[in-house]
PDB file of N, CA and C in Angstrom:
ATOM      1  N   MET A   1      21.643  -6.918  17.524  1.00  0.00           N
ATOM      2  CA  MET A   1      21.398  -6.559  16.137  1.00  0.00           C
ATOM      3  C   MET A   1      22.571  -5.714  15.636  1.00  0.00           C
ATOM      4  N   SER A   2      23.197  -6.139  14.566  1.00  0.00           N
ATOM      5  CA  SER A   2      24.374  -5.470  14.044  1.00  0.00           C
ATOM      6  C   SER A   2      24.013  -4.160  13.354  1.00  0.00           C
ATOM      7  N   ARG A   3      24.815  -3.152  13.609  1.00  0.00           N
ATOM      8  CA  ARG A   3      24.598  -1.856  12.965  1.00  0.00           C
ATOM      9  C   ARG A   3      25.584  -1.632  11.825  1.00  0.00           C
ATOM     10  N   ARG A   4      26.415  -2.631  11.574  1.00  0.00           N
ATOM     11  CA  ARG A   4      27.473  -2.462  10.593  1.00  0.00           C
ATOM     12  C   ARG A   4      26.944  -2.414   9.163  1.00  0.00           C
ATOM     13  N   HIS A   5      26.096  -3.368   8.804  1.00  0.00           N
ATOM     14  CA  HIS A   5      25.587  -3.433   7.435  1.00  0.00           C
ATOM     15  C   HIS A   5      24.081  -3.239   7.422  1.00  0.00           C
ATOM     16  N   ARG A   6      23.643  -2.430   6.515  1.00  0.00           N
ATOM     17  CA  ARG A   6      22.206  -2.256   6.328  1.00  0.00           C
ATOM     18  C   ARG A   6      21.708  -3.356   5.394  1.00  0.00           C
ATOM     19  N   ALA A   7      20.551  -3.922   5.699  1.00  0.00           N
ATOM     20  CA  ALA A   7      20.007  -4.989   4.858  1.00  0.00           C
ATOM     21  C   ALA A   7      19.709  -4.436   3.474  1.00  0.00           C
ATOM     22  N   GLU A   8      20.153  -5.149   2.463  1.00  0.00           N
ATOM     23  CA  GLU A   8      19.936  -4.653   1.107  1.00  0.00           C
ATOM     24  C   GLU A   8      18.514  -4.947   0.651  1.00  0.00           C
ATOM     25  N   LYS A   9      17.975  -4.023  -0.123  1.00  0.00           N
ATOM     26  CA  LYS A   9      16.603  -4.142  -0.604  1.00  0.00           C
ATOM     27  C   LYS A   9      16.530  -5.190  -1.699  1.00  0.00           C
ATOM     28  N   ARG A  10      15.488  -6.003  -1.636  1.00  0.00           N
ATOM     29  CA  ARG A  10      15.286  -7.005  -2.673  1.00  0.00           C
ATOM     30  C   ARG A  10      14.571  -6.374  -3.860  1.00  0.00           C
ATOM     31  N   GLU A  11      14.942  -6.823  -5.041  1.00  0.00           N
ATOM     32  CA  GLU A  11      14.245  -6.363  -6.240  1.00  0.00           C
ATOM     33  C   GLU A  11      12.970  -7.170  -6.399  1.00  0.00           C
ATOM     34  N   ILE A  12      11.874  -6.490  -6.698  1.00  0.00           N
ATOM     35  CA  ILE A  12      10.639  -7.214  -6.978  1.00  0.00           C
ATOM     36  C   ILE A  12      10.285  -7.025  -8.446  1.00  0.00           C
ATOM     37  N   ASN A  13       9.638  -8.024  -8.993  1.00  0.00           N
ATOM     38  CA  ASN A  13       9.258  -7.971 -10.405  1.00  0.00           C
ATOM     39  C   ASN A  13       7.964  -7.189 -10.566  1.00  0.00           C
ATOM     40  N   PRO A  14       7.844  -6.413 -11.650  1.00  0.00           N
ATOM     41  CA  PRO A  14       6.582  -5.697 -11.893  1.00  0.00           C
ATOM     42  C   PRO A  14       5.455  -6.678 -12.188  1.00  0.00           C
ATOM     43  N   ASP A  15       4.220  -6.215 -11.980  1.00  0.00           N
ATOM     44  CA  ASP A  15       3.089  -7.119 -12.199  1.00  0.00           C
ATOM     45  C   ASP A  15       2.951  -7.430 -13.695  1.00  0.00           C
ATOM     46  N   PRO A  16       2.431  -8.611 -14.025  1.00  0.00           N
ATOM     47  CA  PRO A  16       2.424  -9.034 -15.432  1.00  0.00           C
ATOM     48  C   PRO A  16       1.497  -8.247 -16.349  1.00  0.00           C
ATOM     49  N   LYS A  17       0.394  -7.724 -15.838  1.00  0.00           N
ATOM     50  CA  LYS A  17      -0.598  -7.083 -16.706  1.00  0.00           C
ATOM     51  C   LYS A  17      -0.252  -5.625 -17.017  1.00  0.00           C
ATOM     52  N   PHE A  18       0.106  -4.850 -15.982  1.00  0.00           N
ATOM     53  CA  PHE A  18       0.363  -3.420 -16.169  1.00  0.00           C
ATOM     54  C   PHE A  18       1.852  -3.072 -16.168  1.00  0.00           C
ATOM     55  N   GLY A  19       2.694  -3.964 -15.673  1.00  0.00           N
ATOM     56  CA  GLY A  19       4.130  -3.693 -15.623  1.00  0.00           C
ATOM     57  C   GLY A  19       4.489  -2.622 -14.614  1.00  0.00           C
ATOM     58  N   ASP A  20       3.763  -2.575 -13.495  1.00  0.00           N
ATOM     59  CA  ASP A  20       3.953  -1.526 -12.497  1.00  0.00           C
ATOM     60  C   ASP A  20       4.520  -2.113 -11.203  1.00  0.00           C
ATOM     61  N   LEU A  21       5.608  -1.526 -10.699  1.00  0.00           N
ATOM     62  CA  LEU A  21       6.243  -2.024  -9.477  1.00  0.00           C
ATOM     63  C   LEU A  21       5.406  -1.757  -8.236  1.00  0.00           C
ATOM     64  N   VAL A  22       4.767  -0.585  -8.165  1.00  0.00           N
ATOM     65  CA  VAL A  22       3.965  -0.235  -6.988  1.00  0.00           C
ATOM     66  C   VAL A  22       2.767  -1.173  -6.876  1.00  0.00           C
ATOM     67  N   LEU A  23       2.159  -1.487  -7.995  1.00  0.00           N
ATOM     68  CA  LEU A  23       1.030  -2.418  -8.005  1.00  0.00           C
ATOM     69  C   LEU A  23       1.477  -3.808  -7.560  1.00  0.00           C
ATOM     70  N   SER A  24       2.684  -4.193  -7.949  1.00  0.00           N
ATOM     71  CA  SER A  24       3.234  -5.477  -7.527  1.00  0.00           C
ATOM     72  C   SER A  24       3.447  -5.504  -6.015  1.00  0.00           C
ATOM     73  N   LYS A  25       3.946  -4.400  -5.446  1.00  0.00           N
ATOM     74  CA  LYS A  25       4.101  -4.298  -3.989  1.00  0.00           C
ATOM     75  C   LYS A  25       2.745  -4.386  -3.302  1.00  0.00           C
ATOM     76  N   PHE A  26       1.750  -3.746  -3.899  1.00  0.00           N
ATOM     77  CA  PHE A  26       0.393  -3.778  -3.350  1.00  0.00           C
ATOM     78  C   PHE A  26      -0.134  -5.211  -3.314  1.00  0.00           C
ATOM     79  N   MET A  27       0.062  -5.944  -4.409  1.00  0.00           N
ATOM     80  CA  MET A  27      -0.391  -7.339  -4.462  1.00  0.00           C
ATOM     81  C   MET A  27       0.333  -8.193  -3.430  1.00  0.00           C
ATOM     82  N   ASN A  28       1.636  -7.953  -3.268  1.00  0.00           N
ATOM     83  CA  ASN A  28       2.403  -8.721  -2.287  1.00  0.00           C
ATOM     84  C   ASN A  28       1.905  -8.456  -0.871  1.00  0.00           C
ATOM     85  N   ASN A  29       1.483  -7.233  -0.589  1.00  0.00           N
ATOM     86  CA  ASN A  29       0.941  -6.912   0.731  1.00  0.00           C
ATOM     87  C   ASN A  29      -0.444  -7.516   0.928  1.00  0.00           C
ATOM     88  N   LEU A  30      -1.196  -7.607  -0.141  1.00  0.00           N
ATOM     89  CA  LEU A  30      -2.554  -8.146  -0.076  1.00  0.00           C
ATOM     90  C   LEU A  30      -2.557  -9.666   0.084  1.00  0.00           C
ATOM     91  N   MET A  31      -1.491 -10.296  -0.380  1.00  0.00           N
ATOM     92  CA  MET A  31      -1.409 -11.750  -0.447  1.00  0.00           C
ATOM     93  C   MET A  31      -1.374 -12.404   0.935  1.00  0.00           C
ATOM     94  N   TYR A  32      -2.125 -13.498   1.065  1.00  0.00           N
ATOM     95  CA  TYR A  32      -2.095 -14.334   2.264  1.00  0.00           C
ATOM     96  C   TYR A  32      -1.441 -15.669   1.932  1.00  0.00           C
ATOM     97  N   GLU A  33      -0.551 -16.144   2.776  1.00  0.00           N
ATOM     98  CA  GLU A  33       0.046 -17.483   2.688  1.00  0.00           C
ATOM     99  C   GLU A  33       0.633 -17.797   1.313  1.00  0.00           C
ATOM    100  N   GLY A  34       1.232 -16.809   0.669  1.00  0.00           N
ATOM    101  CA  GLY A  34       1.904 -17.032  -0.604  1.00  0.00           C
ATOM    102  C   GLY A  34       0.999 -17.232  -1.801  1.00  0.00           C
ATOM    103  N   LYS A  35      -0.291 -16.952  -1.645  1.00  0.00           N
ATOM    104  CA  LYS A  35      -1.236 -17.170  -2.747  1.00  0.00           C
ATOM    105  C   LYS A  35      -1.313 -15.920  -3.623  1.00  0.00           C
ATOM    106  N   LYS A  36      -0.318 -15.778  -4.473  1.00  0.00           N
ATOM    107  CA  LYS A  36      -0.212 -14.586  -5.303  1.00  0.00           C
ATOM    108  C   LYS A  36      -1.279 -14.539  -6.388  1.00  0.00           C
ATOM    109  N   SER A  37      -1.652 -15.685  -6.931  1.00  0.00           N
ATOM    110  CA  SER A  37      -2.658 -15.692  -7.999  1.00  0.00           C
ATOM    111  C   SER A  37      -4.006 -15.218  -7.467  1.00  0.00           C
ATOM    112  N   VAL A  38      -4.308 -15.530  -6.205  1.00  0.00           N
ATOM    113  CA  VAL A  38      -5.552 -15.054  -5.592  1.00  0.00           C
ATOM    114  C   VAL A  38      -5.498 -13.535  -5.444  1.00  0.00           C
ATOM    115  N   ALA A  39      -4.347 -13.018  -4.978  1.00  0.00           N
ATOM    116  CA  ALA A  39      -4.182 -11.571  -4.818  1.00  0.00           C
ATOM    117  C   ALA A  39      -4.291 -10.861  -6.167  1.00  0.00           C
ATOM    118  N   GLU A  40      -3.689 -11.445  -7.203  1.00  0.00           N
ATOM    119  CA  GLU A  40      -3.782 -10.854  -8.544  1.00  0.00           C
ATOM    120  C   GLU A  40      -5.226 -10.818  -9.021  1.00  0.00           C
ATOM    121  N   GLY A  41      -5.959 -11.896  -8.785  1.00  0.00           N
ATOM    122  CA  GLY A  41      -7.368 -11.946  -9.182  1.00  0.00           C
ATOM    123  C   GLY A  41      -8.186 -10.877  -8.489  1.00  0.00           C
ATOM    124  N   ILE A  42      -7.911 -10.654  -7.208  1.00  0.00           N
ATOM    125  CA  ILE A  42      -8.628  -9.624  -6.449  1.00  0.00           C
ATOM    126  C   ILE A  42      -8.329  -8.241  -7.013  1.00  0.00           C
ATOM    127  N   VAL A  43      -7.041  -7.948  -7.219  1.00  0.00           N
ATOM    128  CA  VAL A  43      -6.643  -6.613  -7.694  1.00  0.00           C
ATOM    129  C   VAL A  43      -7.165  -6.359  -9.104  1.00  0.00           C
ATOM    130  N   TYR A  44      -7.000  -7.327 -10.007  1.00  0.00           N
ATOM    131  CA  TYR A  44      -7.457  -7.124 -11.380  1.00  0.00           C
ATOM    132  C   TYR A  44      -8.979  -7.047 -11.458  1.00  0.00           C
ATOM    133  N   GLY A  45      -9.668  -7.803 -10.617  1.00  0.00           N
ATOM    134  CA  GLY A  45     -11.130  -7.706 -10.553  1.00  0.00           C
ATOM    135  C   GLY A  45     -11.578  -6.344 -10.063  1.00  0.00           C
ATOM    136  N   ALA A  46     -10.874  -5.830  -9.045  1.00  0.00           N
ATOM    137  CA  ALA A  46     -11.185  -4.492  -8.531  1.00  0.00           C
ATOM    138  C   ALA A  46     -10.907  -3.435  -9.599  1.00  0.00           C
ATOM    139  N   PHE A  47      -9.824  -3.622 -10.368  1.00  0.00           N
ATOM    140  CA  PHE A  47      -9.497  -2.676 -11.432  1.00  0.00           C
ATOM    141  C   PHE A  47     -10.570  -2.681 -12.516  1.00  0.00           C
ATOM    142  N   ASP A  48     -11.111  -3.862 -12.832  1.00  0.00           N
ATOM    143  CA  ASP A  48     -12.198  -3.945 -13.817  1.00  0.00           C
ATOM    144  C   ASP A  48     -13.428  -3.190 -13.324  1.00  0.00           C
ATOM    145  N   LYS A  49     -13.748  -3.351 -12.030  1.00  0.00           N
ATOM    146  CA  LYS A  49     -14.900  -2.631 -11.462  1.00  0.00           C
ATOM    147  C   LYS A  49     -14.670  -1.128 -11.468  1.00  0.00           C
ATOM    148  N   ILE A  50     -13.448  -0.700 -11.133  1.00  0.00           N
ATOM    149  CA  ILE A  50     -13.119   0.731 -11.130  1.00  0.00           C
ATOM    150  C   ILE A  50     -13.268   1.294 -12.541  1.00  0.00           C
ATOM    151  N   GLU A  51     -12.782   0.546 -13.533  1.00  0.00           N
ATOM    152  CA  GLU A  51     -12.868   1.006 -14.923  1.00  0.00           C
ATOM    153  C   GLU A  51     -14.326   1.129 -15.367  1.00  0.00           C
ATOM    154  N   ALA A  52     -15.160   0.179 -14.950  1.00  0.00           N
ATOM    155  CA  ALA A  52     -16.578   0.223 -15.321  1.00  0.00           C
ATOM    156  C   ALA A  52     -17.306   1.358 -14.609  1.00  0.00           C
ATOM    157  N   LYS A  53     -16.947   1.588 -13.350  1.00  0.00           N
ATOM    158  CA  LYS A  53     -17.644   2.583 -12.539  1.00  0.00           C
ATOM    159  C   LYS A  53     -17.181   4.009 -12.843  1.00  0.00           C
ATOM    160  N   ALA A  54     -15.863   4.211 -12.888  1.00  0.00           N
ATOM    161  CA  ALA A  54     -15.318   5.567 -13.011  1.00  0.00           C
ATOM    162  C   ALA A  54     -15.016   5.968 -14.451  1.00  0.00           C
ATOM    163  N   LYS A  55     -15.000   5.003 -15.367  1.00  0.00           N
ATOM    164  CA  LYS A  55     -14.677   5.276 -16.775  1.00  0.00           C
ATOM    165  C   LYS A  55     -13.311   5.960 -16.915  1.00  0.00           C
ATOM    166  N   GLN A  56     -12.359   5.556 -16.051  1.00  0.00           N
ATOM    167  CA  GLN A  56     -11.001   6.099 -16.095  1.00  0.00           C
ATOM    168  C   GLN A  56     -10.009   4.946 -16.078  1.00  0.00           C
ATOM    169  N   ASP A  57      -8.744   5.282 -16.342  1.00  0.00           N
ATOM    170  CA  ASP A  57      -7.687   4.283 -16.264  1.00  0.00           C
ATOM    171  C   ASP A  57      -7.537   3.841 -14.807  1.00  0.00           C
ATOM    172  N   PRO A  58      -7.742   2.555 -14.508  1.00  0.00           N
ATOM    173  CA  PRO A  58      -7.699   2.109 -13.113  1.00  0.00           C
ATOM    174  C   PRO A  58      -6.331   2.278 -12.464  1.00  0.00           C
ATOM    175  N   LEU A  59      -5.262   2.164 -13.243  1.00  0.00           N
ATOM    176  CA  LEU A  59      -3.917   2.337 -12.688  1.00  0.00           C
ATOM    177  C   LEU A  59      -3.706   3.772 -12.230  1.00  0.00           C
ATOM    178  N   GLN A  60      -4.235   4.717 -13.004  1.00  0.00           N
ATOM    179  CA  GLN A  60      -4.138   6.130 -12.634  1.00  0.00           C
ATOM    180  C   GLN A  60      -4.957   6.410 -11.373  1.00  0.00           C
ATOM    181  N   VAL A  61      -6.149   5.825 -11.276  1.00  0.00           N
ATOM    182  CA  VAL A  61      -6.992   5.979 -10.086  1.00  0.00           C
ATOM    183  C   VAL A  61      -6.285   5.392  -8.871  1.00  0.00           C
ATOM    184  N   PHE A  62      -5.625   4.247  -9.062  1.00  0.00           N
ATOM    185  CA  PHE A  62      -4.886   3.587  -7.985  1.00  0.00           C
ATOM    186  C   PHE A  62      -3.765   4.476  -7.461  1.00  0.00           C
ATOM    187  N   HIS A  63      -2.965   5.034  -8.378  1.00  0.00           N
ATOM    188  CA  HIS A  63      -1.850   5.894  -7.962  1.00  0.00           C
ATOM    189  C   HIS A  63      -2.353   7.178  -7.303  1.00  0.00           C
ATOM    190  N   GLU A  64      -3.467   7.697  -7.795  1.00  0.00           N
ATOM    191  CA  GLU A  64      -4.073   8.891  -7.198  1.00  0.00           C
ATOM    192  C   GLU A  64      -4.532   8.597  -5.768  1.00  0.00           C
ATOM    193  N   ALA A  65      -5.145   7.429  -5.571  1.00  0.00           N
ATOM    194  CA  ALA A  65      -5.605   7.034  -4.231  1.00  0.00           C
ATOM    195  C   ALA A  65      -4.422   6.871  -3.282  1.00  0.00           C
ATOM    196  N   LEU A  66      -3.339   6.270  -3.760  1.00  0.00           N
ATOM    197  CA  LEU A  66      -2.143   6.126  -2.929  1.00  0.00           C
ATOM    198  C   LEU A  66      -1.585   7.488  -2.543  1.00  0.00           C
ATOM    199  N   GLY A  67      -1.573   8.417  -3.495  1.00  0.00           N
ATOM    200  CA  GLY A  67      -1.084   9.764  -3.210  1.00  0.00           C
ATOM    201  C   GLY A  67      -1.940  10.493  -2.195  1.00  0.00           C
ATOM    202  N   ASN A  68      -3.265  10.266  -2.258  1.00  0.00           N
ATOM    203  CA  ASN A  68      -4.164  10.916  -1.303  1.00  0.00           C
ATOM    204  C   ASN A  68      -4.001  10.365   0.105  1.00  0.00           C
ATOM    205  N   VAL A  69      -3.700   9.084   0.223  1.00  0.00           N
ATOM    206  CA  VAL A  69      -3.615   8.435   1.531  1.00  0.00           C
ATOM    207  C   VAL A  69      -2.243   8.631   2.178  1.00  0.00           C
ATOM    208  N   ALA A  70      -1.197   8.752   1.372  1.00  0.00           N
ATOM    209  CA  ALA A  70       0.176   8.775   1.885  1.00  0.00           C
ATOM    210  C   ALA A  70       0.411   9.943   2.844  1.00  0.00           C
ATOM    211  N   PRO A  71       1.004   9.658   4.017  1.00  0.00           N
ATOM    212  CA  PRO A  71       1.263  10.715   4.996  1.00  0.00           C
ATOM    213  C   PRO A  71       2.520  11.518   4.642  1.00  0.00           C
ATOM    214  N   ALA A  72       2.493  12.821   4.920  1.00  0.00           N
ATOM    215  CA  ALA A  72       3.660  13.667   4.667  1.00  0.00           C
ATOM    216  C   ALA A  72       4.580  13.693   5.887  1.00  0.00           C
ATOM    217  N   ILE A  73       3.979  13.748   7.090  1.00  0.00           N
ATOM    218  CA  ILE A  73       4.771  13.746   8.321  1.00  0.00           C
ATOM    219  C   ILE A  73       4.179  12.753   9.312  1.00  0.00           C
ATOM    220  N   GLU A  74       5.012  12.297  10.232  1.00  0.00           N
ATOM    221  CA  GLU A  74       4.558  11.446  11.323  1.00  0.00           C
ATOM    222  C   GLU A  74       5.290  11.873  12.587  1.00  0.00           C
ATOM    223  N   VAL A  75       4.790  11.462  13.744  1.00  0.00           N
ATOM    224  CA  VAL A  75       5.457  11.826  14.993  1.00  0.00           C
ATOM    225  C   VAL A  75       6.304  10.663  15.483  1.00  0.00           C
ATOM    226  N   ARG A  76       7.510  10.999  15.945  1.00  0.00           N
ATOM    227  CA  ARG A  76       8.428  10.030  16.524  1.00  0.00           C
ATOM    228  C   ARG A  76       8.703  10.444  17.960  1.00  0.00           C
ATOM    229  N   SER A  77       8.863   9.466  18.833  1.00  0.00           N
ATOM    230  CA  SER A  77       9.171   9.766  20.225  1.00  0.00           C
ATOM    231  C   SER A  77      10.637  10.153  20.349  1.00  0.00           C
ATOM    232  N   ARG A  78      10.880  11.245  21.068  1.00  0.00           N
ATOM    233  CA  ARG A  78      12.246  11.733  21.279  1.00  0.00           C
ATOM    234  C   ARG A  78      12.418  11.996  22.762  1.00  0.00           C
ATOM    235  N   ARG A  79      13.389  11.339  23.368  1.00  0.00           N
ATOM    236  CA  ARG A  79      13.607  11.489  24.799  1.00  0.00           C
ATOM    237  C   ARG A  79      14.622  12.599  25.050  1.00  0.00           C
ATOM    238  N   VAL A  80      14.204  13.610  25.798  1.00  0.00           N
ATOM    239  CA  VAL A  80      15.082  14.717  26.166  1.00  0.00           C
ATOM    240  C   VAL A  80      15.050  14.827  27.680  1.00  0.00           C
ATOM    241  N   GLY A  81      16.197  14.541  28.317  1.00  0.00           N
ATOM    242  CA  GLY A  81      16.222  14.547  29.780  1.00  0.00           C
ATOM    243  C   GLY A  81      15.354  13.426  30.299  1.00  0.00           C
ATOM    244  N   GLY A  82      14.378  13.772  31.131  1.00  0.00           N
ATOM    245  CA  GLY A  82      13.474  12.766  31.665  1.00  0.00           C
ATOM    246  C   GLY A  82      12.156  12.708  30.927  1.00  0.00           C
ATOM    247  N   ALA A  83      11.939  13.646  30.016  1.00  0.00           N
ATOM    248  CA  ALA A  83      10.644  13.736  29.337  1.00  0.00           C
ATOM    249  C   ALA A  83      10.729  13.147  27.926  1.00  0.00           C
ATOM    250  N   THR A  84       9.618  12.590  27.476  1.00  0.00           N
ATOM    251  CA  THR A  84       9.520  12.066  26.117  1.00  0.00           C
ATOM    252  C   THR A  84       8.605  12.980  25.313  1.00  0.00           C
ATOM    253  N   TYR A  85       9.129  13.483  24.204  1.00  0.00           N
ATOM    254  CA  TYR A  85       8.360  14.390  23.357  1.00  0.00           C
ATOM    255  C   TYR A  85       7.986  13.688  22.058  1.00  0.00           C
ATOM    256  N   GLN A  86       6.827  14.060  21.522  1.00  0.00           N
ATOM    257  CA  GLN A  86       6.416  13.609  20.203  1.00  0.00           C
ATOM    258  C   GLN A  86       6.893  14.647  19.190  1.00  0.00           C
ATOM    259  N   VAL A  87       7.874  14.288  18.387  1.00  0.00           N
ATOM    260  CA  VAL A  87       8.476  15.233  17.449  1.00  0.00           C
ATOM    261  C   VAL A  87       8.010  14.903  16.032  1.00  0.00           C
ATOM    262  N   PRO A  88       7.429  15.879  15.316  1.00  0.00           N
ATOM    263  CA  PRO A  88       7.025  15.619  13.931  1.00  0.00           C
ATOM    264  C   PRO A  88       8.245  15.458  13.020  1.00  0.00           C
ATOM    265  N   VAL A  89       8.214  14.415  12.205  1.00  0.00           N
ATOM    266  CA  VAL A  89       9.323  14.104  11.309  1.00  0.00           C
ATOM    267  C   VAL A  89       8.750  13.830   9.924  1.00  0.00           C
ATOM    268  N   GLU A  90       9.452  14.284   8.900  1.00  0.00           N
ATOM    269  CA  GLU A  90       9.018  14.010   7.532  1.00  0.00           C
ATOM    270  C   GLU A  90       9.189  12.522   7.227  1.00  0.00           C
ATOM    271  N   VAL A  91       8.233  11.948   6.515  1.00  0.00           N
ATOM    272  CA  VAL A  91       8.255  10.519   6.197  1.00  0.00           C
ATOM    273  C   VAL A  91       9.035  10.304   4.904  1.00  0.00           C
ATOM    274  N   ARG A  92       9.955   9.330   4.926  1.00  0.00           N
ATOM    275  CA  ARG A  92      10.699   8.987   3.712  1.00  0.00           C
ATOM    276  C   ARG A  92       9.737   8.466   2.645  1.00  0.00           C
ATOM    277  N   ALA A  93      10.090   8.651   1.392  1.00  0.00           N
ATOM    278  CA  ALA A  93       9.205   8.279   0.275  1.00  0.00           C
ATOM    279  C   ALA A  93       8.866   6.792   0.293  1.00  0.00           C
ATOM    280  N   GLU A  94       9.844   5.957   0.598  1.00  0.00           N
ATOM    281  CA  GLU A  94       9.618   4.514   0.619  1.00  0.00           C
ATOM    282  C   GLU A  94       8.632   4.124   1.718  1.00  0.00           C
ATOM    283  N   ARG A  95       8.806   4.713   2.907  1.00  0.00           N
ATOM    284  CA  ARG A  95       7.905   4.424   4.030  1.00  0.00           C
ATOM    285  C   ARG A  95       6.514   4.993   3.761  1.00  0.00           C
ATOM    286  N   ARG A  96       6.469   6.166   3.126  1.00  0.00           N
ATOM    287  CA  ARG A  96       5.187   6.795   2.786  1.00  0.00           C
ATOM    288  C   ARG A  96       4.356   5.870   1.895  1.00  0.00           C
ATOM    289  N   GLN A  97       5.020   5.300   0.901  1.00  0.00           N
ATOM    290  CA  GLN A  97       4.342   4.375  -0.012  1.00  0.00           C
ATOM    291  C   GLN A  97       3.886   3.112   0.722  1.00  0.00           C
ATOM    292  N   ALA A  98       4.750   2.566   1.574  1.00  0.00           N
ATOM    293  CA  ALA A  98       4.417   1.342   2.314  1.00  0.00           C
ATOM    294  C   ALA A  98       3.239   1.576   3.250  1.00  0.00           C
ATOM    295  N   LEU A  99       3.220   2.717   3.939  1.00  0.00           N
ATOM    296  CA  LEU A  99       2.112   3.038   4.846  1.00  0.00           C
ATOM    297  C   LEU A  99       0.806   3.203   4.077  1.00  0.00           C
ATOM    298  N   ALA A 100       0.871   3.893   2.939  1.00  0.00           N
ATOM    299  CA  ALA A 100      -0.335   4.111   2.133  1.00  0.00           C
ATOM    300  C   ALA A 100      -0.918   2.776   1.666  1.00  0.00           C
ATOM    301  N   ILE A 101      -0.059   1.882   1.203  1.00  0.00           N
ATOM    302  CA  ILE A 101      -0.509   0.559   0.750  1.00  0.00           C
ATOM    303  C   ILE A 101      -1.150  -0.197   1.903  1.00  0.00           C
ATOM    304  N   ARG A 102      -0.469  -0.199   3.049  1.00  0.00           N
ATOM    305  CA  ARG A 102      -0.973  -0.917   4.223  1.00  0.00           C
ATOM    306  C   ARG A 102      -2.317  -0.367   4.676  1.00  0.00           C
ATOM    307  N   TRP A 103      -2.456   0.957   4.682  1.00  0.00           N
ATOM    308  CA  TRP A 103      -3.697   1.588   5.152  1.00  0.00           C
ATOM    309  C   TRP A 103      -4.864   1.297   4.209  1.00  0.00           C
ATOM    310  N   ILE A 104      -4.625   1.337   2.899  1.00  0.00           N
ATOM    311  CA  ILE A 104      -5.695   1.055   1.938  1.00  0.00           C
ATOM    312  C   ILE A 104      -6.171  -0.390   2.085  1.00  0.00           C
ATOM    313  N   ILE A 105      -5.233  -1.323   2.237  1.00  0.00           N
ATOM    314  CA  ILE A 105      -5.601  -2.734   2.381  1.00  0.00           C
ATOM    315  C   ILE A 105      -6.369  -2.968   3.671  1.00  0.00           C
ATOM    316  N   SER A 106      -5.921  -2.365   4.778  1.00  0.00           N
ATOM    317  CA  SER A 106      -6.630  -2.574   6.055  1.00  0.00           C
ATOM    318  C   SER A 106      -8.014  -1.935   6.025  1.00  0.00           C
ATOM    319  N   ALA A 107      -8.143  -0.770   5.378  1.00  0.00           N
ATOM    320  CA  ALA A 107      -9.455  -0.126   5.265  1.00  0.00           C
ATOM    321  C   ALA A 107     -10.387  -0.971   4.399  1.00  0.00           C
ATOM    322  N   ALA A 108      -9.852  -1.559   3.327  1.00  0.00           N
ATOM    323  CA  ALA A 108     -10.669  -2.412   2.456  1.00  0.00           C
ATOM    324  C   ALA A 108     -11.123  -3.664   3.203  1.00  0.00           C
ATOM    325  N   ARG A 109     -10.230  -4.237   4.009  1.00  0.00           N
ATOM    326  CA  ARG A 109     -10.588  -5.453   4.758  1.00  0.00           C
ATOM    327  C   ARG A 109     -11.649  -5.183   5.813  1.00  0.00           C
ATOM    328  N   ASN A 110     -11.731  -3.945   6.300  1.00  0.00           N
ATOM    329  CA  ASN A 110     -12.707  -3.605   7.336  1.00  0.00           C
ATOM    330  C   ASN A 110     -14.062  -3.187   6.777  1.00  0.00           C
ATOM    331  N   ARG A 111     -14.192  -3.122   5.448  1.00  0.00           N
ATOM    332  CA  ARG A 111     -15.480  -2.753   4.854  1.00  0.00           C
ATOM    333  C   ARG A 111     -16.469  -3.905   4.929  1.00  0.00           C
ATOM    334  N   ASN A 112     -17.750  -3.619   4.628  1.00  0.00           N
ATOM    335  CA  ASN A 112     -18.805  -4.610   4.816  1.00  0.00           C
ATOM    336  C   ASN A 112     -19.287  -5.315   3.550  1.00  0.00           C
ATOM    337  N   GLU A 113     -18.690  -5.041   2.401  1.00  0.00           N
ATOM    338  CA  GLU A 113     -19.118  -5.747   1.189  1.00  0.00           C
ATOM    339  C   GLU A 113     -18.781  -7.236   1.295  1.00  0.00           C
ATOM    340  N   THR A 114     -19.396  -8.021   0.430  1.00  0.00           N
ATOM    341  CA  THR A 114     -19.240  -9.475   0.554  1.00  0.00           C
ATOM    342  C   THR A 114     -17.893  -9.983   0.050  1.00  0.00           C
ATOM    343  N   THR A 115     -17.422  -9.486  -1.095  1.00  0.00           N
ATOM    344  CA  THR A 115     -16.155  -9.987  -1.636  1.00  0.00           C
ATOM    345  C   THR A 115     -15.065  -8.937  -1.498  1.00  0.00           C
ATOM    346  N   MET A 116     -13.826  -9.406  -1.496  1.00  0.00           N
ATOM    347  CA  MET A 116     -12.682  -8.505  -1.383  1.00  0.00           C
ATOM    348  C   MET A 116     -12.562  -7.630  -2.629  1.00  0.00           C
ATOM    349  N   VAL A 117     -13.002  -8.127  -3.773  1.00  0.00           N
ATOM    350  CA  VAL A 117     -12.981  -7.326  -5.007  1.00  0.00           C
ATOM    351  C   VAL A 117     -13.862  -6.091  -4.826  1.00  0.00           C
ATOM    352  N   ASP A 118     -15.060  -6.282  -4.275  1.00  0.00           N
ATOM    353  CA  ASP A 118     -15.974  -5.160  -4.029  1.00  0.00           C
ATOM    354  C   ASP A 118     -15.393  -4.192  -3.005  1.00  0.00           C
ATOM    355  N   ARG A 119     -14.809  -4.735  -1.952  1.00  0.00           N
ATOM    356  CA  ARG A 119     -14.240  -3.890  -0.897  1.00  0.00           C
ATOM    357  C   ARG A 119     -13.109  -3.030  -1.433  1.00  0.00           C
ATOM    358  N   LEU A 120     -12.215  -3.665  -2.197  1.00  0.00           N
ATOM    359  CA  LEU A 120     -11.050  -2.953  -2.712  1.00  0.00           C
ATOM    360  C   LEU A 120     -11.454  -1.907  -3.743  1.00  0.00           C
ATOM    361  N   SER A 121     -12.400  -2.234  -4.602  1.00  0.00           N
ATOM    362  CA  SER A 121     -12.832  -1.257  -5.611  1.00  0.00           C
ATOM    363  C   SER A 121     -13.571  -0.102  -4.943  1.00  0.00           C
ATOM    364  N   GLY A 122     -14.283  -0.378  -3.852  1.00  0.00           N
ATOM    365  CA  GLY A 122     -14.971   0.683  -3.118  1.00  0.00           C
ATOM    366  C   GLY A 122     -14.015   1.597  -2.383  1.00  0.00           C
ATOM    367  N   GLU A 123     -12.908   1.052  -1.983  1.00  0.00           N
ATOM    368  CA  GLU A 123     -11.924   1.832  -1.244  1.00  0.00           C
ATOM    369  C   GLU A 123     -11.143   2.712  -2.207  1.00  0.00           C
TER     370      GLU A 123
END
């Protein structure tokens, strides 16, 4: 693996309804087998349920939930001599967001409601 060039980040388009990049990343993570319209339907359906239940802006609730879940520090293995230590390291903002998105989706998938819209809105 070459260390000379770092892979450049791809630009992603914001979602069509809210124009939010983070929401677009969330949909891309939720998507299975390239079925983006299904992922959009799930997210927008969950947002409708959140709006009906909480009587708040669903995008604001979404960003608040991401902020609550996002980790501030994580442990990395560091080898010193013959021993391996777990060293706490601050998480970069990009990784923090990616972890929060991944954790919310996995927690929603593990819930017991019947549809993914219900699971995601409950999460």
